[in-house]
N, C-alpha and C. Protein backbone atom coordinates (compact mmCIF):
# COMPACT_ATOMS: atom_id res chain seq x y z
N MET A 1 -7.33 22.56 -6.91
CA MET A 1 -8.56 22.45 -6.13
C MET A 1 -9.41 23.70 -6.33
N SER A 2 -10.71 23.53 -6.29
CA SER A 2 -11.63 24.64 -6.51
C SER A 2 -11.74 25.49 -5.25
N ASP A 3 -12.37 26.65 -5.43
CA ASP A 3 -12.63 27.52 -4.29
C ASP A 3 -13.53 26.82 -3.27
N LEU A 4 -13.48 27.32 -2.05
CA LEU A 4 -14.40 26.84 -1.03
C LEU A 4 -15.76 27.49 -1.25
N ASP A 5 -16.79 26.88 -0.71
CA ASP A 5 -18.13 27.46 -0.73
C ASP A 5 -18.18 28.52 0.37
N LEU A 6 -18.22 29.78 -0.04
CA LEU A 6 -18.17 30.86 0.94
C LEU A 6 -19.36 30.83 1.88
N SER A 7 -20.48 30.26 1.45
CA SER A 7 -21.67 30.23 2.30
C SER A 7 -21.49 29.33 3.51
N THR A 8 -20.57 28.37 3.44
CA THR A 8 -20.33 27.48 4.57
C THR A 8 -18.91 27.60 5.10
N PHE A 9 -18.24 28.68 4.73
CA PHE A 9 -16.95 29.02 5.34
C PHE A 9 -17.26 30.11 6.36
N TYR A 10 -17.22 29.74 7.64
CA TYR A 10 -17.84 30.57 8.68
C TYR A 10 -16.87 31.48 9.44
N ALA A 11 -15.65 31.62 8.97
CA ALA A 11 -14.70 32.47 9.70
C ALA A 11 -15.24 33.88 9.84
N LEU A 12 -15.13 34.42 11.07
CA LEU A 12 -15.52 35.79 11.41
C LEU A 12 -17.03 36.02 11.38
N ARG A 13 -17.81 34.95 11.34
CA ARG A 13 -19.25 35.10 11.39
C ARG A 13 -19.76 34.85 12.81
N GLU A 14 -20.97 35.34 13.05
CA GLU A 14 -21.63 35.09 14.32
C GLU A 14 -23.01 34.49 14.04
N GLY A 15 -23.47 33.69 14.98
CA GLY A 15 -24.80 33.11 14.84
C GLY A 15 -24.75 31.63 14.50
N ALA A 16 -25.85 31.14 13.95
CA ALA A 16 -26.02 29.71 13.71
C ALA A 16 -25.11 29.22 12.60
N ALA A 17 -24.56 28.01 12.77
CA ALA A 17 -23.72 27.35 11.78
C ALA A 17 -23.90 25.85 11.96
N THR A 18 -23.20 25.08 11.14
CA THR A 18 -23.24 23.64 11.26
C THR A 18 -21.84 23.09 11.47
N GLN A 19 -21.77 21.95 12.13
CA GLN A 19 -20.53 21.23 12.30
C GLN A 19 -20.32 20.28 11.11
N PRO A 20 -19.11 19.72 10.97
CA PRO A 20 -18.88 18.81 9.85
C PRO A 20 -19.85 17.63 9.78
N ASP A 21 -20.34 17.17 10.94
CA ASP A 21 -21.28 16.05 10.92
C ASP A 21 -22.72 16.50 10.71
N GLY A 22 -22.92 17.79 10.45
CA GLY A 22 -24.25 18.32 10.22
C GLY A 22 -24.94 18.83 11.46
N GLY A 23 -24.38 18.58 12.63
CA GLY A 23 -24.98 19.07 13.87
C GLY A 23 -24.87 20.57 13.98
N PRO A 24 -25.74 21.18 14.77
CA PRO A 24 -25.74 22.64 14.88
C PRO A 24 -24.64 23.13 15.83
N CYS A 25 -24.25 24.37 15.63
CA CYS A 25 -23.40 25.08 16.58
C CYS A 25 -23.70 26.56 16.45
N ARG A 26 -23.20 27.32 17.39
CA ARG A 26 -23.42 28.77 17.36
C ARG A 26 -22.07 29.46 17.52
N LEU A 27 -21.82 30.43 16.65
CA LEU A 27 -20.52 31.07 16.57
C LEU A 27 -20.51 32.45 17.20
N THR A 28 -19.39 32.77 17.83
CA THR A 28 -19.10 34.12 18.29
C THR A 28 -17.68 34.46 17.87
N THR A 29 -17.39 35.76 17.72
CA THR A 29 -16.03 36.19 17.37
C THR A 29 -15.47 37.05 18.48
N HIS A 30 -14.14 36.98 18.64
CA HIS A 30 -13.49 37.65 19.76
C HIS A 30 -12.18 38.28 19.29
N ASP A 31 -11.96 39.51 19.72
CA ASP A 31 -10.78 40.28 19.32
C ASP A 31 -9.57 39.83 20.12
N LEU A 32 -8.47 39.54 19.43
CA LEU A 32 -7.21 39.14 20.09
C LEU A 32 -6.12 40.18 19.90
N GLY A 33 -6.50 41.41 19.59
CA GLY A 33 -5.51 42.46 19.43
C GLY A 33 -4.93 42.48 18.02
N THR A 34 -3.72 43.00 17.92
CA THR A 34 -3.09 43.25 16.62
C THR A 34 -1.86 42.38 16.45
N LEU A 35 -1.65 41.92 15.21
CA LEU A 35 -0.39 41.27 14.85
C LEU A 35 0.42 42.26 14.02
N ARG A 36 1.66 42.46 14.42
CA ARG A 36 2.58 43.28 13.62
C ARG A 36 3.22 42.38 12.57
N ALA A 37 2.81 42.58 11.33
CA ALA A 37 3.29 41.76 10.22
C ALA A 37 4.03 42.66 9.23
N ARG A 38 5.03 43.36 9.72
CA ARG A 38 5.64 44.43 8.94
C ARG A 38 6.58 43.93 7.85
N SER A 39 6.96 42.68 7.90
CA SER A 39 7.75 42.12 6.80
C SER A 39 6.87 41.64 5.65
N GLY A 40 5.56 41.48 5.92
CA GLY A 40 4.68 40.89 4.92
C GLY A 40 4.78 39.38 4.82
N GLN A 41 5.57 38.77 5.70
CA GLN A 41 5.72 37.31 5.71
C GLN A 41 5.05 36.80 6.99
N VAL A 42 3.83 36.31 6.86
CA VAL A 42 3.08 35.83 8.02
C VAL A 42 3.33 34.35 8.21
N GLY A 43 3.80 34.00 9.40
CA GLY A 43 3.98 32.60 9.76
C GLY A 43 2.77 32.09 10.49
N ALA A 44 2.35 30.88 10.16
CA ALA A 44 1.25 30.20 10.84
C ALA A 44 1.78 28.86 11.32
N CYS A 45 1.57 28.56 12.61
CA CYS A 45 2.20 27.35 13.16
C CYS A 45 1.61 27.01 14.51
N ASP A 46 2.00 25.84 14.99
CA ASP A 46 1.87 25.51 16.41
C ASP A 46 3.11 26.12 17.07
N PRO A 47 2.94 27.19 17.84
CA PRO A 47 4.13 27.91 18.32
C PRO A 47 4.96 27.14 19.32
N PHE A 48 4.37 26.15 19.98
CA PHE A 48 5.11 25.40 20.98
C PHE A 48 5.95 24.27 20.36
N VAL A 49 5.76 24.04 19.08
CA VAL A 49 6.49 22.96 18.41
C VAL A 49 7.22 23.46 17.16
N TYR A 50 6.56 24.33 16.38
CA TYR A 50 7.09 24.68 15.06
C TYR A 50 7.34 26.17 14.88
N LEU A 51 7.55 26.91 15.95
CA LEU A 51 7.75 28.35 15.83
C LEU A 51 8.97 28.68 14.97
N SER A 52 9.99 27.86 15.01
CA SER A 52 11.19 28.14 14.21
C SER A 52 11.01 27.79 12.74
N ASP A 53 9.91 27.13 12.37
CA ASP A 53 9.71 26.70 10.99
C ASP A 53 8.22 26.74 10.64
N PRO A 54 7.61 27.95 10.61
CA PRO A 54 6.18 28.03 10.35
C PRO A 54 5.88 27.91 8.86
N ALA A 55 4.61 27.61 8.55
CA ALA A 55 4.11 27.82 7.19
C ALA A 55 4.06 29.32 6.96
N VAL A 56 4.47 29.78 5.80
CA VAL A 56 4.59 31.21 5.53
C VAL A 56 3.73 31.60 4.34
N GLU A 57 2.97 32.68 4.51
CA GLU A 57 2.18 33.26 3.43
C GLU A 57 2.48 34.76 3.34
N GLU A 58 2.44 35.30 2.13
CA GLU A 58 2.74 36.71 1.91
C GLU A 58 1.47 37.54 1.98
N VAL A 59 1.55 38.67 2.69
CA VAL A 59 0.46 39.64 2.76
C VAL A 59 1.10 41.03 2.62
N PRO A 60 0.31 42.05 2.32
CA PRO A 60 0.89 43.40 2.33
C PRO A 60 1.43 43.72 3.73
N PRO A 61 2.63 44.25 3.85
CA PRO A 61 3.18 44.57 5.18
C PRO A 61 2.26 45.52 5.95
N GLY A 62 2.12 45.27 7.24
CA GLY A 62 1.27 46.13 8.06
C GLY A 62 0.97 45.51 9.40
N ASP A 63 0.12 46.19 10.14
CA ASP A 63 -0.38 45.72 11.43
C ASP A 63 -1.86 45.37 11.23
N TYR A 64 -2.25 44.16 11.67
CA TYR A 64 -3.59 43.67 11.35
C TYR A 64 -4.29 43.12 12.59
N PRO A 65 -5.62 43.32 12.68
CA PRO A 65 -6.38 42.69 13.77
C PRO A 65 -6.36 41.17 13.62
N VAL A 66 -6.38 40.50 14.76
CA VAL A 66 -6.53 39.05 14.80
C VAL A 66 -7.79 38.74 15.60
N ARG A 67 -8.59 37.82 15.08
CA ARG A 67 -9.82 37.44 15.76
C ARG A 67 -9.94 35.93 15.77
N VAL A 68 -10.56 35.41 16.79
CA VAL A 68 -10.86 33.99 16.88
C VAL A 68 -12.37 33.81 16.79
N THR A 69 -12.79 32.87 15.95
CA THR A 69 -14.20 32.50 15.87
C THR A 69 -14.38 31.24 16.69
N VAL A 70 -15.27 31.31 17.67
CA VAL A 70 -15.48 30.21 18.63
C VAL A 70 -16.84 29.59 18.39
N ALA A 71 -16.88 28.27 18.38
CA ALA A 71 -18.13 27.53 18.18
C ALA A 71 -18.61 26.95 19.51
N ASP A 72 -19.85 27.22 19.84
CA ASP A 72 -20.51 26.54 20.96
C ASP A 72 -21.11 25.26 20.40
N VAL A 73 -20.50 24.12 20.74
CA VAL A 73 -20.95 22.83 20.21
C VAL A 73 -21.74 22.04 21.24
N SER A 74 -22.11 22.69 22.35
CA SER A 74 -22.88 21.99 23.38
C SER A 74 -24.26 21.63 22.86
N GLU A 75 -24.79 20.49 23.31
CA GLU A 75 -26.09 20.03 22.84
C GLU A 75 -27.20 21.00 23.23
N ALA A 76 -27.05 21.64 24.38
CA ALA A 76 -28.07 22.57 24.84
C ALA A 76 -27.83 24.00 24.36
N ALA A 77 -26.75 24.20 23.59
CA ALA A 77 -26.39 25.55 23.12
C ALA A 77 -26.32 26.54 24.27
N ASP A 78 -25.73 26.08 25.39
CA ASP A 78 -25.69 26.90 26.61
C ASP A 78 -24.30 27.42 26.93
N GLY A 79 -23.37 27.29 25.98
CA GLY A 79 -22.02 27.79 26.20
C GLY A 79 -21.15 26.89 27.04
N SER A 80 -21.60 25.69 27.32
CA SER A 80 -20.84 24.79 28.19
C SER A 80 -19.74 24.02 27.47
N HIS A 81 -19.74 24.06 26.14
CA HIS A 81 -18.70 23.35 25.38
C HIS A 81 -18.30 24.23 24.20
N LEU A 82 -17.16 24.91 24.34
CA LEU A 82 -16.69 25.84 23.32
C LEU A 82 -15.44 25.28 22.65
N ARG A 83 -15.35 25.47 21.34
CA ARG A 83 -14.19 25.05 20.57
C ARG A 83 -13.82 26.18 19.59
N GLU A 84 -12.53 26.46 19.49
CA GLU A 84 -12.07 27.44 18.53
C GLU A 84 -12.24 26.87 17.12
N ALA A 85 -12.88 27.64 16.25
CA ALA A 85 -13.16 27.15 14.90
C ALA A 85 -12.24 27.76 13.84
N TYR A 86 -11.83 29.00 14.03
CA TYR A 86 -10.94 29.68 13.08
C TYR A 86 -10.08 30.69 13.84
N LEU A 87 -8.83 30.79 13.48
CA LEU A 87 -7.99 31.92 13.87
C LEU A 87 -7.77 32.74 12.62
N SER A 88 -8.09 34.04 12.68
CA SER A 88 -8.15 34.86 11.47
C SER A 88 -7.32 36.12 11.61
N LEU A 89 -6.55 36.40 10.57
CA LEU A 89 -5.84 37.66 10.42
C LEU A 89 -6.67 38.52 9.46
N VAL A 90 -7.16 39.66 9.93
CA VAL A 90 -8.07 40.49 9.14
C VAL A 90 -7.24 41.48 8.34
N LEU A 91 -7.22 41.29 7.02
CA LEU A 91 -6.37 42.08 6.14
C LEU A 91 -7.07 43.26 5.51
N SER A 92 -8.40 43.26 5.49
CA SER A 92 -9.17 44.32 4.86
C SER A 92 -10.59 44.29 5.36
N ASP A 93 -11.25 45.46 5.32
CA ASP A 93 -12.66 45.53 5.66
C ASP A 93 -13.56 45.35 4.44
N ALA A 94 -12.98 45.17 3.25
CA ALA A 94 -13.78 44.98 2.05
C ALA A 94 -14.56 43.68 2.13
N PRO A 95 -15.73 43.63 1.52
CA PRO A 95 -16.52 42.38 1.54
C PRO A 95 -15.76 41.25 0.86
N SER A 96 -15.85 40.08 1.45
CA SER A 96 -15.23 38.89 0.87
C SER A 96 -16.22 38.23 -0.09
N VAL A 97 -15.74 37.91 -1.30
CA VAL A 97 -16.60 37.26 -2.28
C VAL A 97 -16.09 35.88 -2.65
N ARG A 98 -14.88 35.52 -2.22
CA ARG A 98 -14.30 34.21 -2.51
C ARG A 98 -13.53 33.73 -1.29
N ALA A 99 -13.38 32.42 -1.21
CA ALA A 99 -12.50 31.80 -0.22
C ALA A 99 -11.74 30.70 -0.94
N ALA A 100 -10.42 30.69 -0.79
CA ALA A 100 -9.59 29.73 -1.50
C ALA A 100 -8.46 29.27 -0.60
N TYR A 101 -8.07 28.01 -0.74
CA TYR A 101 -6.96 27.50 0.04
C TYR A 101 -5.68 28.26 -0.30
N ALA A 102 -4.93 28.60 0.73
CA ALA A 102 -3.61 29.20 0.53
C ALA A 102 -2.66 28.13 0.02
N ARG A 103 -1.68 28.55 -0.75
CA ARG A 103 -0.71 27.63 -1.31
C ARG A 103 0.61 27.72 -0.55
N ASN A 104 1.26 26.60 -0.43
CA ASN A 104 2.61 26.55 0.10
C ASN A 104 3.48 27.47 -0.76
N MET A 105 4.17 28.42 -0.16
CA MET A 105 4.95 29.37 -0.94
C MET A 105 6.02 28.70 -1.78
N ASN A 106 6.46 27.52 -1.37
CA ASN A 106 7.50 26.82 -2.11
C ASN A 106 6.95 25.68 -2.96
N GLY A 107 5.61 25.59 -3.03
CA GLY A 107 5.00 24.48 -3.75
C GLY A 107 4.69 24.85 -5.19
N SER A 108 4.23 23.87 -5.95
CA SER A 108 3.91 24.07 -7.35
C SER A 108 2.44 24.36 -7.58
N ALA A 109 1.69 24.47 -6.51
CA ALA A 109 0.25 24.79 -6.57
C ALA A 109 -0.54 23.73 -7.33
N THR A 110 -0.09 22.48 -7.28
CA THR A 110 -0.86 21.39 -7.88
C THR A 110 -0.95 20.26 -6.87
N GLY A 111 -2.18 19.93 -6.50
CA GLY A 111 -2.37 18.82 -5.57
C GLY A 111 -2.40 19.29 -4.13
N SER A 112 -3.07 18.52 -3.28
CA SER A 112 -3.29 18.93 -1.90
C SER A 112 -2.00 19.05 -1.11
N HIS A 113 -0.93 18.36 -1.51
CA HIS A 113 0.32 18.45 -0.76
C HIS A 113 0.97 19.81 -0.91
N ASP A 114 0.48 20.63 -1.85
CA ASP A 114 1.03 21.96 -2.03
C ASP A 114 0.19 23.03 -1.32
N LEU A 115 -0.82 22.63 -0.58
CA LEU A 115 -1.60 23.58 0.19
C LEU A 115 -0.79 24.10 1.37
N GLY A 116 -1.15 25.32 1.81
CA GLY A 116 -0.62 25.80 3.08
C GLY A 116 -1.28 25.05 4.21
N ILE A 117 -0.50 24.32 4.96
CA ILE A 117 -1.03 23.46 6.03
C ILE A 117 -0.30 23.79 7.32
N VAL A 118 -1.05 23.86 8.41
CA VAL A 118 -0.48 24.09 9.74
C VAL A 118 -0.54 22.78 10.51
N GLY A 119 0.61 22.22 10.81
CA GLY A 119 0.67 21.02 11.64
C GLY A 119 0.64 21.38 13.11
N VAL A 120 -0.16 20.65 13.88
CA VAL A 120 -0.34 20.95 15.31
C VAL A 120 -0.06 19.71 16.13
N ASP A 121 0.84 19.85 17.09
CA ASP A 121 1.18 18.76 18.00
C ASP A 121 1.08 19.15 19.47
N ALA A 122 0.72 20.40 19.75
CA ALA A 122 0.57 20.85 21.14
C ALA A 122 -0.75 21.60 21.33
N GLY A 123 -1.74 21.31 20.48
CA GLY A 123 -3.08 21.86 20.68
C GLY A 123 -3.20 23.36 20.54
N THR A 124 -2.30 24.00 19.77
CA THR A 124 -2.27 25.45 19.70
C THR A 124 -1.90 25.89 18.30
N VAL A 125 -2.49 27.00 17.84
CA VAL A 125 -2.10 27.62 16.58
C VAL A 125 -1.78 29.08 16.83
N ALA A 126 -1.04 29.67 15.89
CA ALA A 126 -0.61 31.05 16.08
C ALA A 126 -0.29 31.70 14.76
N PHE A 127 -0.35 33.03 14.75
CA PHE A 127 0.20 33.86 13.69
C PHE A 127 1.37 34.66 14.26
N VAL A 128 2.39 34.88 13.42
CA VAL A 128 3.59 35.60 13.83
C VAL A 128 4.23 36.17 12.56
N ASP A 129 4.97 37.27 12.69
CA ASP A 129 5.78 37.76 11.57
C ASP A 129 6.96 36.81 11.44
N ALA A 130 6.97 36.02 10.36
CA ALA A 130 7.99 34.97 10.23
C ALA A 130 9.39 35.54 10.17
N ALA A 131 9.53 36.74 9.61
CA ALA A 131 10.86 37.33 9.48
C ALA A 131 11.40 37.85 10.81
N ALA A 132 10.52 38.00 11.81
CA ALA A 132 10.94 38.54 13.11
C ALA A 132 11.32 37.46 14.11
N ILE A 133 11.10 36.19 13.76
CA ILE A 133 11.32 35.13 14.75
C ILE A 133 12.79 35.05 15.12
N ARG A 134 13.67 35.07 14.13
CA ARG A 134 15.09 34.87 14.43
C ARG A 134 15.64 35.96 15.35
N SER A 135 15.27 37.22 15.09
CA SER A 135 15.78 38.30 15.93
C SER A 135 14.97 38.47 17.21
N GLY A 136 13.70 38.03 17.21
CA GLY A 136 12.84 38.26 18.36
C GLY A 136 12.87 37.18 19.41
N MET A 137 13.41 36.00 19.06
CA MET A 137 13.47 34.89 20.00
C MET A 137 14.93 34.59 20.36
N PRO A 138 15.19 34.10 21.57
CA PRO A 138 16.55 33.71 21.94
C PRO A 138 17.06 32.58 21.05
N ASP A 139 18.36 32.47 20.96
CA ASP A 139 18.97 31.37 20.23
C ASP A 139 18.60 30.07 20.95
N PRO A 140 17.87 29.17 20.29
CA PRO A 140 17.42 27.95 21.00
C PRO A 140 18.58 27.04 21.39
N ARG A 141 19.74 27.24 20.80
CA ARG A 141 20.90 26.45 21.19
C ARG A 141 21.46 26.93 22.53
N VAL A 142 21.11 28.15 22.92
CA VAL A 142 21.60 28.74 24.16
C VAL A 142 20.53 28.70 25.25
N GLN A 143 19.29 28.95 24.86
CA GLN A 143 18.19 29.03 25.83
C GLN A 143 17.01 28.19 25.33
N ASN A 144 16.64 27.20 26.10
CA ASN A 144 15.52 26.34 25.74
C ASN A 144 14.22 27.12 25.86
N TRP A 145 13.50 27.25 24.75
CA TRP A 145 12.30 28.08 24.76
C TRP A 145 11.24 27.53 25.70
N TYR A 146 11.09 26.22 25.77
CA TYR A 146 10.05 25.65 26.61
C TYR A 146 10.26 26.03 28.07
N ASP A 147 11.46 25.81 28.56
CA ASP A 147 11.74 26.08 29.98
C ASP A 147 11.83 27.57 30.28
N ALA A 148 12.34 28.35 29.34
CA ALA A 148 12.57 29.77 29.60
C ALA A 148 11.34 30.63 29.36
N LEU A 149 10.46 30.22 28.43
CA LEU A 149 9.36 31.09 28.02
C LEU A 149 8.00 30.43 28.10
N PHE A 150 7.89 29.23 27.54
CA PHE A 150 6.57 28.63 27.39
C PHE A 150 5.98 28.19 28.73
N ASP A 151 6.78 27.57 29.57
CA ASP A 151 6.27 27.01 30.83
C ASP A 151 7.33 27.19 31.92
N ASN A 152 7.59 28.45 32.27
CA ASN A 152 8.66 28.75 33.22
C ASN A 152 8.17 28.92 34.66
N GLY A 153 6.89 28.62 34.91
CA GLY A 153 6.36 28.68 36.27
C GLY A 153 5.93 30.05 36.72
N THR A 154 5.97 31.07 35.83
CA THR A 154 5.56 32.42 36.20
C THR A 154 4.23 32.76 35.52
N THR A 155 3.63 33.85 35.99
CA THR A 155 2.36 34.28 35.40
C THR A 155 2.55 34.89 34.01
N SER A 156 3.80 35.15 33.63
CA SER A 156 4.07 35.71 32.30
C SER A 156 4.47 34.64 31.29
N SER A 157 4.50 33.38 31.70
CA SER A 157 4.82 32.32 30.74
C SER A 157 3.71 32.25 29.69
N TRP A 158 4.04 31.72 28.54
CA TRP A 158 3.06 31.66 27.46
C TRP A 158 1.89 30.77 27.83
N PHE A 159 2.16 29.66 28.49
CA PHE A 159 1.07 28.78 28.94
C PHE A 159 0.16 29.51 29.92
N ALA A 160 0.75 30.24 30.88
CA ALA A 160 -0.04 30.92 31.89
C ALA A 160 -0.91 32.01 31.27
N LEU A 161 -0.36 32.76 30.32
CA LEU A 161 -1.15 33.81 29.66
C LEU A 161 -2.31 33.22 28.88
N MET A 162 -2.10 32.07 28.25
CA MET A 162 -3.21 31.43 27.53
C MET A 162 -4.29 30.93 28.47
N ASP A 163 -3.91 30.55 29.68
CA ASP A 163 -4.88 30.04 30.65
C ASP A 163 -5.56 31.15 31.44
N ASP A 164 -5.09 32.40 31.29
CA ASP A 164 -5.57 33.52 32.09
C ASP A 164 -6.73 34.22 31.37
N PRO A 165 -7.98 34.08 31.86
CA PRO A 165 -9.09 34.74 31.18
C PRO A 165 -9.03 36.25 31.28
N GLY A 166 -8.22 36.77 32.20
CA GLY A 166 -8.06 38.21 32.32
C GLY A 166 -7.08 38.80 31.34
N HIS A 167 -6.32 37.95 30.65
CA HIS A 167 -5.37 38.45 29.65
C HIS A 167 -6.11 38.83 28.37
N LEU A 168 -6.72 37.90 27.72
CA LEU A 168 -7.63 38.14 26.59
C LEU A 168 -8.91 37.36 26.84
N ARG A 169 -8.81 36.05 26.66
CA ARG A 169 -9.85 35.11 27.02
C ARG A 169 -9.14 33.78 27.21
N ALA A 170 -9.71 32.90 27.99
CA ALA A 170 -9.07 31.61 28.23
C ALA A 170 -8.82 30.90 26.91
N GLY A 171 -7.61 30.41 26.73
CA GLY A 171 -7.23 29.71 25.52
C GLY A 171 -6.58 30.55 24.46
N CYS A 172 -6.40 31.85 24.71
CA CYS A 172 -5.83 32.74 23.71
C CYS A 172 -4.83 33.69 24.39
N ALA A 173 -3.89 34.20 23.59
CA ALA A 173 -2.91 35.14 24.12
C ALA A 173 -2.31 35.95 22.98
N ASN A 174 -1.84 37.14 23.32
CA ASN A 174 -1.10 38.02 22.40
C ASN A 174 0.16 38.43 23.14
N ILE A 175 1.32 37.95 22.66
CA ILE A 175 2.55 38.00 23.45
C ILE A 175 3.68 38.63 22.63
N PRO A 176 4.38 39.64 23.15
CA PRO A 176 5.54 40.17 22.44
C PRO A 176 6.65 39.11 22.36
N LEU A 177 7.34 39.05 21.23
CA LEU A 177 8.53 38.22 21.18
C LEU A 177 9.56 38.82 22.12
N PRO A 178 10.22 38.02 22.93
CA PRO A 178 10.98 38.55 24.08
C PRO A 178 12.12 39.49 23.73
N LEU A 179 12.73 39.35 22.57
CA LEU A 179 13.86 40.19 22.20
C LEU A 179 13.49 41.27 21.19
N SER A 180 12.20 41.45 20.95
CA SER A 180 11.79 42.36 19.88
C SER A 180 11.55 43.78 20.35
N GLU A 181 11.56 44.03 21.67
CA GLU A 181 11.29 45.35 22.24
C GLU A 181 9.96 45.92 21.72
N GLY A 182 8.95 45.06 21.65
CA GLY A 182 7.62 45.49 21.27
C GLY A 182 7.37 45.61 19.79
N GLU A 183 8.36 45.30 18.98
CA GLU A 183 8.22 45.45 17.54
C GLU A 183 7.62 44.22 16.87
N ALA A 184 7.56 43.09 17.54
CA ALA A 184 7.00 41.87 16.95
C ALA A 184 6.30 41.07 18.04
N ASN A 185 5.31 40.31 17.63
CA ASN A 185 4.52 39.56 18.61
C ASN A 185 3.99 38.28 17.98
N VAL A 186 3.42 37.45 18.82
CA VAL A 186 2.78 36.21 18.38
C VAL A 186 1.39 36.17 19.00
N VAL A 187 0.39 35.79 18.21
CA VAL A 187 -0.99 35.70 18.68
C VAL A 187 -1.41 34.24 18.61
N LEU A 188 -1.85 33.69 19.76
CA LEU A 188 -2.05 32.26 19.92
C LEU A 188 -3.50 31.95 20.28
N ALA A 189 -3.94 30.75 19.90
CA ALA A 189 -5.25 30.24 20.32
C ALA A 189 -5.18 28.73 20.35
N HIS A 190 -5.97 28.13 21.24
CA HIS A 190 -6.11 26.68 21.21
C HIS A 190 -6.70 26.26 19.85
N SER A 191 -6.42 25.03 19.46
CA SER A 191 -6.74 24.59 18.10
C SER A 191 -7.96 23.68 18.06
N GLY A 192 -9.12 24.24 18.39
CA GLY A 192 -10.36 23.50 18.22
C GLY A 192 -10.38 22.18 18.95
N TRP A 193 -10.40 21.08 18.19
CA TRP A 193 -10.43 19.74 18.80
C TRP A 193 -9.04 19.24 19.15
N GLY A 194 -7.99 19.98 18.83
CA GLY A 194 -6.65 19.56 19.27
C GLY A 194 -5.68 19.40 18.14
N ASP A 195 -4.84 18.36 18.23
CA ASP A 195 -3.75 18.16 17.29
C ASP A 195 -4.27 17.70 15.93
N GLY A 196 -3.47 17.96 14.92
CA GLY A 196 -3.85 17.55 13.57
C GLY A 196 -3.13 18.40 12.54
N ALA A 197 -3.72 18.48 11.36
CA ALA A 197 -3.19 19.30 10.27
C ALA A 197 -4.34 20.13 9.72
N TYR A 198 -4.15 21.44 9.67
CA TYR A 198 -5.25 22.35 9.37
C TYR A 198 -4.90 23.27 8.21
N PRO A 199 -5.84 23.49 7.29
CA PRO A 199 -5.55 24.30 6.10
C PRO A 199 -5.58 25.80 6.38
N LEU A 200 -4.74 26.51 5.64
CA LEU A 200 -4.78 27.96 5.60
C LEU A 200 -5.66 28.38 4.44
N VAL A 201 -6.52 29.36 4.69
CA VAL A 201 -7.48 29.81 3.69
C VAL A 201 -7.39 31.33 3.56
N PHE A 202 -7.34 31.83 2.33
CA PHE A 202 -7.47 33.25 2.06
C PHE A 202 -8.91 33.55 1.68
N THR A 203 -9.49 34.61 2.23
CA THR A 203 -10.69 35.21 1.67
C THR A 203 -10.26 36.39 0.83
N LEU A 204 -11.03 36.66 -0.23
CA LEU A 204 -10.64 37.67 -1.22
C LEU A 204 -11.82 38.55 -1.58
N ASP A 205 -11.51 39.81 -1.96
CA ASP A 205 -12.57 40.72 -2.39
C ASP A 205 -12.82 40.57 -3.89
N ALA A 206 -13.69 41.41 -4.44
CA ALA A 206 -14.08 41.28 -5.84
C ALA A 206 -12.92 41.54 -6.79
N ALA A 207 -11.89 42.25 -6.34
CA ALA A 207 -10.71 42.51 -7.17
C ALA A 207 -9.62 41.47 -6.97
N GLY A 208 -9.90 40.44 -6.16
CA GLY A 208 -8.91 39.39 -5.92
C GLY A 208 -7.90 39.73 -4.85
N ARG A 209 -8.11 40.83 -4.11
CA ARG A 209 -7.19 41.20 -3.04
C ARG A 209 -7.59 40.47 -1.75
N PRO A 210 -6.60 40.05 -0.97
CA PRO A 210 -6.93 39.28 0.24
C PRO A 210 -7.61 40.14 1.30
N THR A 211 -8.68 39.61 1.85
CA THR A 211 -9.37 40.27 2.96
C THR A 211 -9.04 39.62 4.30
N GLY A 212 -8.56 38.37 4.25
CA GLY A 212 -8.22 37.68 5.49
C GLY A 212 -7.40 36.44 5.21
N LEU A 213 -6.62 36.06 6.20
CA LEU A 213 -5.91 34.78 6.19
C LEU A 213 -6.39 34.02 7.42
N HIS A 214 -6.86 32.80 7.22
CA HIS A 214 -7.54 32.06 8.27
C HIS A 214 -6.94 30.67 8.43
N ILE A 215 -6.77 30.25 9.67
CA ILE A 215 -6.49 28.84 9.96
C ILE A 215 -7.83 28.19 10.25
N ASP A 216 -8.24 27.29 9.36
CA ASP A 216 -9.52 26.59 9.51
C ASP A 216 -9.29 25.36 10.37
N LEU A 217 -9.86 25.37 11.56
CA LEU A 217 -9.64 24.30 12.52
C LEU A 217 -10.67 23.17 12.38
N LEU A 218 -11.44 23.21 11.29
CA LEU A 218 -12.31 22.09 10.90
C LEU A 218 -13.34 21.75 11.97
N VAL A 219 -13.81 22.78 12.65
CA VAL A 219 -14.85 22.63 13.67
C VAL A 219 -16.22 22.96 13.10
N ALA A 220 -16.26 23.91 12.15
CA ALA A 220 -17.52 24.35 11.55
C ALA A 220 -17.45 24.18 10.05
N GLY A 221 -18.61 23.94 9.45
CA GLY A 221 -18.68 23.76 8.01
C GLY A 221 -18.34 22.34 7.59
N PRO A 222 -18.61 22.00 6.34
CA PRO A 222 -18.35 20.64 5.86
C PRO A 222 -16.87 20.38 5.69
N LEU A 223 -16.48 19.11 5.83
CA LEU A 223 -15.11 18.72 5.57
C LEU A 223 -14.93 18.51 4.07
N ASP A 224 -13.85 19.05 3.53
CA ASP A 224 -13.54 18.91 2.12
C ASP A 224 -12.85 17.56 1.90
N PRO A 225 -13.45 16.63 1.17
CA PRO A 225 -12.81 15.31 0.99
C PRO A 225 -11.47 15.39 0.27
N ASP A 226 -11.25 16.47 -0.49
CA ASP A 226 -9.98 16.61 -1.19
C ASP A 226 -8.81 16.90 -0.26
N LEU A 227 -9.11 17.28 0.99
CA LEU A 227 -8.02 17.53 1.94
C LEU A 227 -7.33 16.22 2.34
N GLY A 228 -8.03 15.10 2.23
CA GLY A 228 -7.40 13.82 2.51
C GLY A 228 -7.35 13.47 3.97
C-alpha cells in the first residue's frame, strides 16, 4: 500500500479539518503525559479486552509524550459533540514529511491483512510498553483484571479515572501498571466512534526516522478504501 496523504492525515494538528464524509470538524490536541516505552516494544490495544495480546511496534527505547487529537463534530462547532480522532505517541520533534501504515511485526508486509491493526471491543484504545505487561500486571489466572482493576468500584479504578475530568480529561487516563512500582504505565483514550478495527500509522522525518506512532480512529480525513 502507498503512503498516506500527509495533507489529510490530521494527527496532532489543530484547527479546521474534514470528516470522512466531507463534513467539517475542528481539531484540538491534549497532553496525556508520558509513556515509558523503555523496552522499545510499544503495544497498542483495547486495554480492557486485549491488554495481554496487543499489536506491537518497535520504536527507539525511551519515554515519550502521548497526545490525543479531539475532533469537534458538532454541527454548530460549539464543542457539544467531541470525538477522539487520534491517539499519538510523539517520538520526535522533527518535522514529519511522510505518513505510512505500520506493519504487523510478524507479517510479510504484503496486503492489508499485514497492517498493524488495533481491534476495539470496549470503546477504548491505549499505548503500553508491551514487554512490561507480564511483570506489571497481576497473573490473570489468579486475579481477574476487570473486577480487581478496571471496574472495582473505587475512584482509582481504570474506568473511574477515565471518567474523571480532573485526572486528565474526560475519556482519557494515564495509569501505572499496578505491579510496576512506577516503572511502566498505560495511557488510554476513548476510541472515537467506538468499537471497530483501527490502523496504526507511523509519521516519518526526511531521513525516514519515526516522528510518531498514531492510532487513527477514522474520525478525521478520508477513509482509505484499501483498508477494506
